Amino acid sequence: MVRYAATLDNISKCARSRGDDLRVHFKNTREAAHAIKGMHLRRANAYLKNVIAKKEIVPFRRFNGGVGRKAQCKHHHWSQGRWPKKSAEFLLQLLKNAESNAEVKGLDVDAMVIAHIQVNKAASMRRRTYRAHGRINPFMSSPCHIEMILQEQDQVVPKPEEEEQKKKKISQKKLKKQKMMNQD
């Protein structure tokens, strides 16, 4: 059994999925994964399909050198972004696998949330390219490891009304000001 980087409290309500040495760019995949973290499973699926169709964008927050500015990024309160198609396809496959794992465990798929997603660099693979004057330069690829944990989210319980109606603590300065206003 493989070890995951995160351990969640209730393992019985979790579904996990991972891929090792995937031939997809690390930097693009990290940004796409960061964009779907915390999303519901259905929303993440729709988001990644929209990224492939260029209807929604992945904001590039860390690895953003030379990344152009796009108007779609305004929605994310950012300016730089791209549509990493291959990364989105790989993440969709992992989400599908995690969803299947959740169904096998008998969990409610509609209540699943991406609680943990992590992308690590894998060992780079080596090729070579031929340059002028008989020289040879390396032509490396940057594969990655991806792991994700989906967690069944509990139903939100509203707060009792008693706690909401507690009086706010008023500062001494405000009390004195109110007292002076009442005297007038």
C-alpha atoms as a PDB file:
ATOM      1  CA  MET A   1       0.000   0.000   0.000  1.00  0.00           C
ATOM      2  CA  VAL A   2       1.336   3.437  -0.940  1.00  0.00           C
ATOM      3  CA  ARG A   3       1.674   6.295   1.508  1.00  0.00           C
ATOM      4  CA  TYR A   4      -0.103   9.601   0.915  1.00  0.00           C
ATOM      5  CA  ALA A   5       1.294  12.935   2.051  1.00  0.00           C
ATOM      6  CA  ALA A   6      -1.875  13.896   3.942  1.00  0.00           C
ATOM      7  CA  THR A   7      -3.763  11.839   6.474  1.00  0.00           C
ATOM      8  CA  LEU A   8      -7.339  12.864   7.092  1.00  0.00           C
ATOM      9  CA  ASP A   9      -9.237  12.225  10.318  1.00  0.00           C
ATOM     10  CA  ASN A  10     -11.985   9.939   9.049  1.00  0.00           C
ATOM     11  CA  ILE A  11     -10.533   7.542   6.462  1.00  0.00           C
ATOM     12  CA  SER A  12     -13.864   5.734   6.040  1.00  0.00           C
ATOM     13  CA  LYS A  13     -15.349   8.897   4.428  1.00  0.00           C
ATOM     14  CA  CYS A  14     -12.405   9.413   2.023  1.00  0.00           C
ATOM     15  CA  ALA A  15     -11.599   8.199  -1.475  1.00  0.00           C
ATOM     16  CA  ARG A  16      -8.048   8.405  -2.778  1.00  0.00           C
ATOM     17  CA  SER A  17      -6.380   8.380  -6.170  1.00  0.00           C
ATOM     18  CA  ARG A  18      -2.834   8.867  -7.391  1.00  0.00           C
ATOM     19  CA  GLY A  19      -0.644   8.740 -10.471  1.00  0.00           C
ATOM     20  CA  ASP A  20       3.132   8.398 -10.561  1.00  0.00           C
ATOM     21  CA  ASP A  21       5.594   9.465 -13.278  1.00  0.00           C
ATOM     22  CA  LEU A  22       2.894  10.993 -15.462  1.00  0.00           C
ATOM     23  CA  ARG A  23       4.145  12.471 -18.759  1.00  0.00           C
ATOM     24  CA  VAL A  24       2.580  15.887 -18.212  1.00  0.00           C
ATOM     25  CA  HIS A  25       4.289  19.154 -17.300  1.00  0.00           C
ATOM     26  CA  PHE A  26       4.765  19.630 -13.566  1.00  0.00           C
ATOM     27  CA  LYS A  27       4.282  23.409 -13.486  1.00  0.00           C
ATOM     28  CA  ASN A  28       1.058  23.446 -15.505  1.00  0.00           C
ATOM     29  CA  THR A  29      -0.364  20.548 -13.516  1.00  0.00           C
ATOM     30  CA  ARG A  30       0.495  22.213 -10.208  1.00  0.00           C
ATOM     31  CA  GLU A  31      -1.422  25.344 -11.183  1.00  0.00           C
ATOM     32  CA  ALA A  32      -4.437  23.373 -12.443  1.00  0.00           C
ATOM     33  CA  ALA A  33      -4.488  21.235  -9.295  1.00  0.00           C
ATOM     34  CA  HIS A  34      -4.271  24.317  -7.088  1.00  0.00           C
ATOM     35  CA  ALA A  35      -7.263  25.789  -8.947  1.00  0.00           C
ATOM     36  CA  ILE A  36      -9.539  22.797  -8.171  1.00  0.00           C
ATOM     37  CA  LYS A  37      -8.469  22.293  -4.561  1.00  0.00           C
ATOM     38  CA  GLY A  38     -11.449  22.592  -2.216  1.00  0.00           C
ATOM     39  CA  MET A  39     -14.024  22.278  -5.031  1.00  0.00           C
ATOM     40  CA  HIS A  40     -16.906  19.818  -5.032  1.00  0.00           C
ATOM     41  CA  LEU A  41     -16.327  16.826  -7.281  1.00  0.00           C
ATOM     42  CA  ARG A  42     -19.021  17.776  -9.809  1.00  0.00           C
ATOM     43  CA  ARG A  43     -17.823  21.389  -9.983  1.00  0.00           C
ATOM     44  CA  ALA A  44     -14.186  20.303 -10.459  1.00  0.00           C
ATOM     45  CA  ASN A  45     -15.212  18.001 -13.332  1.00  0.00           C
ATOM     46  CA  ALA A  46     -17.168  20.795 -15.009  1.00  0.00           C
ATOM     47  CA  TYR A  47     -14.331  23.291 -14.432  1.00  0.00           C
ATOM     48  CA  LEU A  48     -11.684  21.041 -16.014  1.00  0.00           C
ATOM     49  CA  LYS A  49     -13.937  20.310 -18.999  1.00  0.00           C
ATOM     50  CA  ASN A  50     -14.442  24.068 -19.401  1.00  0.00           C
ATOM     51  CA  VAL A  51     -10.654  24.579 -19.250  1.00  0.00           C
ATOM     52  CA  ILE A  52     -10.231  22.097 -22.113  1.00  0.00           C
ATOM     53  CA  ALA A  53     -12.923  23.982 -24.062  1.00  0.00           C
ATOM     54  CA  LYS A  54     -11.283  27.336 -23.135  1.00  0.00           C
ATOM     55  CA  LYS A  55     -14.468  28.561 -21.421  1.00  0.00           C
ATOM     56  CA  GLU A  56     -12.754  28.894 -18.020  1.00  0.00           C
ATOM     57  CA  ILE A  57      -9.098  29.619 -17.262  1.00  0.00           C
ATOM     58  CA  VAL A  58      -6.493  28.333 -14.814  1.00  0.00           C
ATOM     59  CA  PRO A  59      -4.815  31.243 -13.015  1.00  0.00           C
ATOM     60  CA  PHE A  60      -1.026  30.859 -12.958  1.00  0.00           C
ATOM     61  CA  ARG A  61      -0.001  32.207  -9.556  1.00  0.00           C
ATOM     62  CA  ARG A  62       3.435  30.712  -8.840  1.00  0.00           C
ATOM     63  CA  PHE A  63       4.920  29.540 -12.134  1.00  0.00           C
ATOM     64  CA  ASN A  64       3.874  32.611 -14.091  1.00  0.00           C
ATOM     65  CA  GLY A  65       7.046  33.851 -15.773  1.00  0.00           C
ATOM     66  CA  GLY A  66       6.215  34.769 -19.364  1.00  0.00           C
ATOM     67  CA  VAL A  67       2.557  33.809 -18.963  1.00  0.00           C
ATOM     68  CA  GLY A  68       0.291  36.242 -20.782  1.00  0.00           C
ATOM     69  CA  ARG A  69      -2.496  38.276 -19.225  1.00  0.00           C
ATOM     70  CA  LYS A  70      -6.029  37.122 -19.959  1.00  0.00           C
ATOM     71  CA  ALA A  71      -9.412  38.737 -19.325  1.00  0.00           C
ATOM     72  CA  GLN A  72     -10.891  35.465 -18.006  1.00  0.00           C
ATOM     73  CA  CYS A  73      -8.549  35.686 -15.003  1.00  0.00           C
ATOM     74  CA  LYS A  74     -10.549  38.603 -13.555  1.00  0.00           C
ATOM     75  CA  HIS A  75     -12.927  36.029 -12.106  1.00  0.00           C
ATOM     76  CA  HIS A  76     -10.024  34.661 -10.000  1.00  0.00           C
ATOM     77  CA  HIS A  77      -8.754  38.140  -8.990  1.00  0.00           C
ATOM     78  CA  TRP A  78      -5.584  37.518 -10.973  1.00  0.00           C
ATOM     79  CA  SER A  79      -4.223  38.622 -14.336  1.00  0.00           C
ATOM     80  CA  GLN A  80      -2.127  35.743 -15.724  1.00  0.00           C
ATOM     81  CA  GLY A  81      -3.495  32.411 -16.840  1.00  0.00           C
ATOM     82  CA  ARG A  82      -3.577  29.621 -19.394  1.00  0.00           C
ATOM     83  CA  TRP A  83      -5.668  26.635 -20.479  1.00  0.00           C
ATOM     84  CA  PRO A  84      -3.388  23.609 -19.814  1.00  0.00           C
ATOM     85  CA  LYS A  85      -5.305  20.992 -21.817  1.00  0.00           C
ATOM     86  CA  LYS A  86      -3.130  17.950 -21.123  1.00  0.00           C
ATOM     87  CA  SER A  87      -2.920  18.694 -17.388  1.00  0.00           C
ATOM     88  CA  ALA A  88      -6.702  19.070 -17.234  1.00  0.00           C
ATOM     89  CA  GLU A  89      -7.173  15.727 -19.013  1.00  0.00           C
ATOM     90  CA  PHE A  90      -4.857  13.928 -16.569  1.00  0.00           C
ATOM     91  CA  LEU A  91      -6.619  15.513 -13.569  1.00  0.00           C
ATOM     92  CA  LEU A  92     -10.006  14.494 -15.012  1.00  0.00           C
ATOM     93  CA  GLN A  93      -8.809  10.884 -15.242  1.00  0.00           C
ATOM     94  CA  LEU A  94      -7.669  10.962 -11.613  1.00  0.00           C
ATOM     95  CA  LEU A  95     -10.968  12.519 -10.507  1.00  0.00           C
ATOM     96  CA  LYS A  96     -12.860   9.776 -12.345  1.00  0.00           C
ATOM     97  CA  ASN A  97     -10.744   7.136 -10.605  1.00  0.00           C
ATOM     98  CA  ALA A  98     -11.311   8.716  -7.188  1.00  0.00           C
ATOM     99  CA  GLU A  99     -15.058   8.914  -7.916  1.00  0.00           C
ATOM    100  CA  SER A 100     -15.098   5.183  -8.740  1.00  0.00           C
ATOM    101  CA  ASN A 101     -13.236   4.460  -5.506  1.00  0.00           C
ATOM    102  CA  ALA A 102     -15.841   6.479  -3.595  1.00  0.00           C
ATOM    103  CA  GLU A 103     -18.701   4.538  -5.220  1.00  0.00           C
ATOM    104  CA  VAL A 104     -17.058   1.222  -4.299  1.00  0.00           C
ATOM    105  CA  LYS A 105     -16.793   2.422  -0.684  1.00  0.00           C
ATOM    106  CA  GLY A 106     -20.487   3.361  -0.762  1.00  0.00           C
ATOM    107  CA  LEU A 107     -19.948   7.098  -0.257  1.00  0.00           C
ATOM    108  CA  ASP A 108     -22.240   9.881  -1.480  1.00  0.00           C
ATOM    109  CA  VAL A 109     -20.494  11.066  -4.652  1.00  0.00           C
ATOM    110  CA  ASP A 110     -22.458  14.339  -4.811  1.00  0.00           C
ATOM    111  CA  ALA A 111     -21.154  15.364  -1.373  1.00  0.00           C
ATOM    112  CA  MET A 112     -17.477  14.705  -2.189  1.00  0.00           C
ATOM    113  CA  VAL A 113     -14.989  17.589  -1.935  1.00  0.00           C
ATOM    114  CA  ILE A 114     -11.329  17.671  -2.985  1.00  0.00           C
ATOM    115  CA  ALA A 115      -9.788  17.843   0.482  1.00  0.00           C
ATOM    116  CA  HIS A 116      -6.174  17.265  -0.577  1.00  0.00           C
ATOM    117  CA  ILE A 117      -4.393  17.454  -3.915  1.00  0.00           C
ATOM    118  CA  GLN A 118      -0.651  17.513  -4.378  1.00  0.00           C
ATOM    119  CA  VAL A 119       1.658  17.582  -7.383  1.00  0.00           C
ATOM    120  CA  ASN A 120       5.321  16.651  -7.016  1.00  0.00           C
ATOM    121  CA  LYS A 121       8.156  16.689  -9.526  1.00  0.00           C
ATOM    122  CA  ALA A 122       9.169  13.273 -10.815  1.00  0.00           C
ATOM    123  CA  ALA A 123      12.596  12.330 -12.118  1.00  0.00           C
ATOM    124  CA  SER A 124      13.092  14.196 -15.380  1.00  0.00           C
ATOM    125  CA  MET A 125      13.377  12.104 -18.518  1.00  0.00           C
ATOM    126  CA  ARG A 126      16.246  12.691 -20.904  1.00  0.00           C
ATOM    127  CA  ARG A 127      16.338  13.167 -24.667  1.00  0.00           C
ATOM    128  CA  ARG A 128      18.682  15.220 -26.805  1.00  0.00           C
ATOM    129  CA  THR A 129      18.452  17.862 -29.464  1.00  0.00           C
ATOM    130  CA  TYR A 130      21.006  18.618 -32.145  1.00  0.00           C
ATOM    131  CA  ARG A 131      22.396  22.124 -32.427  1.00  0.00           C
ATOM    132  CA  ALA A 132      24.590  24.054 -34.828  1.00  0.00           C
ATOM    133  CA  HIS A 133      28.267  23.222 -35.323  1.00  0.00           C
ATOM    134  CA  GLY A 134      27.824  19.579 -34.288  1.00  0.00           C
ATOM    135  CA  ARG A 135      26.824  20.256 -30.700  1.00  0.00           C
ATOM    136  CA  ILE A 136      24.183  18.348 -28.707  1.00  0.00           C
ATOM    137  CA  ASN A 137      22.044  19.826 -25.917  1.00  0.00           C
ATOM    138  CA  PRO A 138      19.758  18.094 -23.436  1.00  0.00           C
ATOM    139  CA  PHE A 139      16.027  18.001 -24.172  1.00  0.00           C
ATOM    140  CA  MET A 140      14.453  17.174 -20.813  1.00  0.00           C
ATOM    141  CA  SER A 141      10.839  16.501 -19.867  1.00  0.00           C
ATOM    142  CA  SER A 142       9.320  17.364 -16.474  1.00  0.00           C
ATOM    143  CA  PRO A 143       6.926  14.581 -15.451  1.00  0.00           C
ATOM    144  CA  CYS A 144       5.074  14.653 -12.144  1.00  0.00           C
ATOM    145  CA  HIS A 145       3.388  12.611  -9.417  1.00  0.00           C
ATOM    146  CA  ILE A 146      -0.201  13.572  -8.556  1.00  0.00           C
ATOM    147  CA  GLU A 147      -2.177  12.466  -5.518  1.00  0.00           C
ATOM    148  CA  MET A 148      -5.631  13.515  -4.389  1.00  0.00           C
ATOM    149  CA  ILE A 149      -8.002  12.717  -1.562  1.00  0.00           C
ATOM    150  CA  LEU A 150     -11.735  13.301  -1.826  1.00  0.00           C
ATOM    151  CA  GLN A 151     -13.680  13.641   1.404  1.00  0.00           C
ATOM    152  CA  GLU A 152     -17.408  13.367   1.997  1.00  0.00           C
ATOM    153  CA  GLN A 153     -18.506  16.738   3.317  1.00  0.00           C
ATOM    154  CA  ASP A 154     -20.862  16.779   6.280  1.00  0.00           C
ATOM    155  CA  GLN A 155     -24.148  18.647   6.063  1.00  0.00           C
ATOM    156  CA  VAL A 156     -23.901  22.246   7.260  1.00  0.00           C
ATOM    157  CA  VAL A 157     -25.801  22.748  10.501  1.00  0.00           C
ATOM    158  CA  PRO A 158     -27.077  26.316  11.022  1.00  0.00           C
ATOM    159  CA  LYS A 159     -26.184  28.056  14.283  1.00  0.00           C
ATOM    160  CA  PRO A 160     -28.883  28.376  16.925  1.00  0.00           C
ATOM    161  CA  GLU A 161     -30.537  31.798  17.018  1.00  0.00           C
ATOM    162  CA  GLU A 162     -29.564  32.416  20.667  1.00  0.00           C
ATOM    163  CA  GLU A 163     -25.862  32.729  19.853  1.00  0.00           C
ATOM    164  CA  GLU A 164     -26.485  35.169  17.000  1.00  0.00           C
ATOM    165  CA  GLN A 165     -28.457  37.563  19.194  1.00  0.00           C
ATOM    166  CA  LYS A 166     -25.716  38.034  21.815  1.00  0.00           C
ATOM    167  CA  LYS A 167     -24.913  41.681  22.432  1.00  0.00           C
ATOM    168  CA  LYS A 168     -21.715  43.032  20.983  1.00  0.00           C
ATOM    169  CA  LYS A 169     -19.178  44.301  23.470  1.00  0.00           C
ATOM    170  CA  ILE A 170     -19.041  48.105  23.294  1.00  0.00           C
ATOM    171  CA  SER A 171     -15.830  49.994  24.026  1.00  0.00           C
ATOM    172  CA  GLN A 172     -15.567  52.513  26.883  1.00  0.00           C
ATOM    173  CA  LYS A 173     -15.074  55.346  24.402  1.00  0.00           C
ATOM    174  CA  LYS A 174     -18.288  54.463  22.576  1.00  0.00           C
ATOM    175  CA  LEU A 175     -20.210  54.180  25.876  1.00  0.00           C
ATOM    176  CA  LYS A 176     -19.051  57.653  26.969  1.00  0.00           C
ATOM    177  CA  LYS A 177     -19.997  59.074  23.562  1.00  0.00           C
ATOM    178  CA  GLN A 178     -23.489  57.560  23.786  1.00  0.00           C
ATOM    179  CA  LYS A 179     -23.870  58.886  27.339  1.00  0.00           C
ATOM    180  CA  MET A 180     -22.972  62.424  26.187  1.00  0.00           C
ATOM    181  CA  MET A 181     -25.428  62.212  23.267  1.00  0.00           C
ATOM    182  CA  ASN A 182     -28.204  61.113  25.614  1.00  0.00           C
ATOM    183  CA  GLN A 183     -27.524  64.096  27.970  1.00  0.00           C
ATOM    184  CA  ASP A 184     -28.050  66.619  25.168  1.00  0.00           C
END
